[in-house]
N, C-alpha and C. Protein backbone atom coordinates (compact mmCIF):
# COMPACT_ATOMS: atom_id res chain seq x y z
N UNK A 1 160.85 114.95 51.71
CA UNK A 1 162.27 115.09 51.56
C UNK A 1 162.64 115.48 50.12
N UNK A 2 161.93 114.92 49.16
CA UNK A 2 162.22 115.19 47.75
C UNK A 2 162.11 116.66 47.39
N UNK A 3 161.29 117.38 48.11
CA UNK A 3 161.08 118.80 47.81
C UNK A 3 162.32 119.64 48.08
N UNK A 4 163.28 119.11 48.82
CA UNK A 4 164.52 119.83 49.07
C UNK A 4 165.53 119.68 47.94
N UNK A 5 165.36 118.69 47.09
CA UNK A 5 166.35 118.40 46.04
C UNK A 5 166.53 119.54 45.03
N UNK A 6 165.46 120.17 44.56
CA UNK A 6 165.68 121.24 43.58
C UNK A 6 166.60 122.34 44.12
N UNK A 7 166.37 122.76 45.34
CA UNK A 7 167.19 123.80 45.95
C UNK A 7 168.62 123.31 46.16
N UNK A 8 168.76 122.10 46.64
CA UNK A 8 170.08 121.52 46.86
C UNK A 8 170.90 121.51 45.57
N UNK A 9 170.32 120.96 44.51
CA UNK A 9 171.04 120.86 43.24
C UNK A 9 171.27 122.24 42.62
N UNK A 10 170.34 123.15 42.80
CA UNK A 10 170.52 124.51 42.32
C UNK A 10 171.72 125.17 43.00
N UNK A 11 171.80 125.01 44.31
CA UNK A 11 172.93 125.60 45.04
C UNK A 11 174.25 124.96 44.63
N UNK A 12 174.26 123.66 44.44
CA UNK A 12 175.49 122.99 43.99
C UNK A 12 175.87 123.48 42.60
N UNK A 13 174.90 123.65 41.73
CA UNK A 13 175.19 124.15 40.38
C UNK A 13 175.79 125.55 40.45
N UNK A 14 175.23 126.39 41.26
CA UNK A 14 175.75 127.74 41.42
C UNK A 14 177.18 127.72 41.96
N UNK A 15 177.43 126.87 42.94
CA UNK A 15 178.78 126.75 43.50
C UNK A 15 179.78 126.27 42.45
N UNK A 16 179.40 125.28 41.67
CA UNK A 16 180.31 124.79 40.62
C UNK A 16 180.61 125.88 39.60
N UNK A 17 179.60 126.66 39.26
CA UNK A 17 179.83 127.74 38.32
C UNK A 17 180.81 128.77 38.89
N UNK A 18 180.63 129.11 40.15
CA UNK A 18 181.53 130.06 40.80
C UNK A 18 182.96 129.52 40.88
N UNK A 19 183.10 128.21 40.94
CA UNK A 19 184.43 127.59 40.99
C UNK A 19 185.04 127.40 39.61
N UNK A 20 184.32 127.85 38.58
CA UNK A 20 184.83 127.72 37.22
C UNK A 20 184.67 126.33 36.64
N UNK A 21 183.63 125.63 37.08
CA UNK A 21 183.35 124.27 36.64
C UNK A 21 181.98 124.20 35.96
N UNK A 22 181.87 124.79 34.76
CA UNK A 22 180.55 124.88 34.12
C UNK A 22 179.94 123.52 33.76
N UNK A 23 180.74 122.53 33.43
CA UNK A 23 180.17 121.22 33.10
C UNK A 23 179.52 120.59 34.32
N UNK A 24 180.17 120.69 35.46
CA UNK A 24 179.58 120.17 36.70
C UNK A 24 178.36 120.99 37.10
N UNK A 25 178.41 122.29 36.83
CA UNK A 25 177.25 123.14 37.11
C UNK A 25 176.06 122.71 36.27
N UNK A 26 176.28 122.44 35.00
CA UNK A 26 175.19 121.99 34.13
C UNK A 26 174.61 120.65 34.60
N UNK A 27 175.47 119.76 35.06
CA UNK A 27 175.01 118.46 35.56
C UNK A 27 174.10 118.64 36.77
N UNK A 28 174.52 119.48 37.70
CA UNK A 28 173.69 119.72 38.89
C UNK A 28 172.42 120.48 38.53
N UNK A 29 172.51 121.38 37.59
CA UNK A 29 171.31 122.11 37.17
C UNK A 29 170.31 121.16 36.54
N UNK A 30 170.77 120.22 35.76
CA UNK A 30 169.86 119.23 35.16
C UNK A 30 169.18 118.41 36.25
N UNK A 31 169.92 118.07 37.29
CA UNK A 31 169.31 117.34 38.41
C UNK A 31 168.25 118.20 39.09
N UNK A 32 168.52 119.49 39.21
CA UNK A 32 167.52 120.39 39.78
C UNK A 32 166.26 120.41 38.93
N UNK A 33 166.45 120.52 37.62
CA UNK A 33 165.30 120.55 36.70
C UNK A 33 164.49 119.27 36.82
N UNK A 34 165.17 118.13 36.86
CA UNK A 34 164.46 116.85 36.94
C UNK A 34 163.69 116.69 38.25
N UNK A 35 164.06 117.43 39.26
CA UNK A 35 163.38 117.28 40.55
C UNK A 35 162.35 118.37 40.82
N UNK A 36 162.15 119.28 39.88
CA UNK A 36 161.20 120.38 40.09
C UNK A 36 159.77 119.90 40.33
N UNK A 37 159.43 118.75 39.82
CA UNK A 37 158.06 118.25 40.00
C UNK A 37 157.74 117.95 41.46
N UNK A 38 158.73 117.89 42.31
CA UNK A 38 158.50 117.64 43.74
C UNK A 38 158.03 118.90 44.47
N UNK A 39 158.15 120.04 43.81
CA UNK A 39 157.76 121.30 44.45
C UNK A 39 156.26 121.53 44.37
N UNK A 40 155.75 122.20 45.38
CA UNK A 40 154.34 122.58 45.37
C UNK A 40 154.20 123.88 44.58
N UNK A 41 153.00 124.41 44.54
CA UNK A 41 152.74 125.67 43.83
C UNK A 41 152.61 126.78 44.86
N UNK A 42 153.74 127.33 45.28
CA UNK A 42 153.73 128.44 46.22
C UNK A 42 154.86 129.41 45.87
N UNK A 43 154.97 130.47 46.62
CA UNK A 43 155.95 131.52 46.31
C UNK A 43 157.38 130.98 46.39
N UNK A 44 157.67 130.17 47.39
CA UNK A 44 159.01 129.61 47.52
C UNK A 44 159.37 128.76 46.31
N UNK A 45 158.47 127.90 45.90
CA UNK A 45 158.70 127.04 44.75
C UNK A 45 158.90 127.85 43.49
N UNK A 46 158.13 128.91 43.35
CA UNK A 46 158.28 129.78 42.18
C UNK A 46 159.65 130.45 42.18
N UNK A 47 160.15 130.80 43.35
CA UNK A 47 161.48 131.41 43.42
C UNK A 47 162.56 130.42 43.01
N UNK A 48 162.38 129.16 43.35
CA UNK A 48 163.34 128.13 42.94
C UNK A 48 163.28 127.95 41.42
N UNK A 49 162.08 127.88 40.87
CA UNK A 49 161.94 127.73 39.42
C UNK A 49 162.56 128.92 38.68
N UNK A 50 162.35 130.12 39.20
CA UNK A 50 162.94 131.31 38.59
C UNK A 50 164.46 131.27 38.65
N UNK A 51 165.00 130.87 39.79
CA UNK A 51 166.46 130.78 39.93
C UNK A 51 167.04 129.73 39.00
N UNK A 52 166.34 128.63 38.80
CA UNK A 52 166.79 127.59 37.86
C UNK A 52 166.84 128.19 36.45
N UNK A 53 165.80 128.90 36.07
CA UNK A 53 165.77 129.51 34.73
C UNK A 53 166.90 130.53 34.56
N UNK A 54 167.14 131.32 35.59
CA UNK A 54 168.18 132.34 35.51
C UNK A 54 169.57 131.70 35.38
N UNK A 55 169.81 130.64 36.14
CA UNK A 55 171.10 129.97 36.06
C UNK A 55 171.25 129.27 34.70
N UNK A 56 170.18 128.74 34.21
CA UNK A 56 170.21 128.11 32.88
C UNK A 56 170.64 129.13 31.83
N UNK A 57 170.14 130.35 31.94
CA UNK A 57 170.53 131.41 31.00
C UNK A 57 172.01 131.76 31.15
N UNK A 58 172.51 131.79 32.34
CA UNK A 58 173.92 132.10 32.57
C UNK A 58 174.85 131.02 32.01
N UNK A 59 174.37 129.80 31.99
CA UNK A 59 175.20 128.68 31.52
C UNK A 59 175.17 128.49 30.01
N UNK A 60 174.40 129.28 29.29
CA UNK A 60 174.34 129.14 27.84
C UNK A 60 175.54 129.73 27.18
């Protein structure tokens, strides 16, 4: 179940950003980052890690 958290928090962060709520987006993004260790080493997990990095750049 924990492996779903990075994607969940990433999506929430993206939604908050789209709603003009960058502080809430950063909070959810941090939760995504903290849960990345639950991911395995496969293509899907790499896509989540890449999306986290891309959103992190947008929030700077």
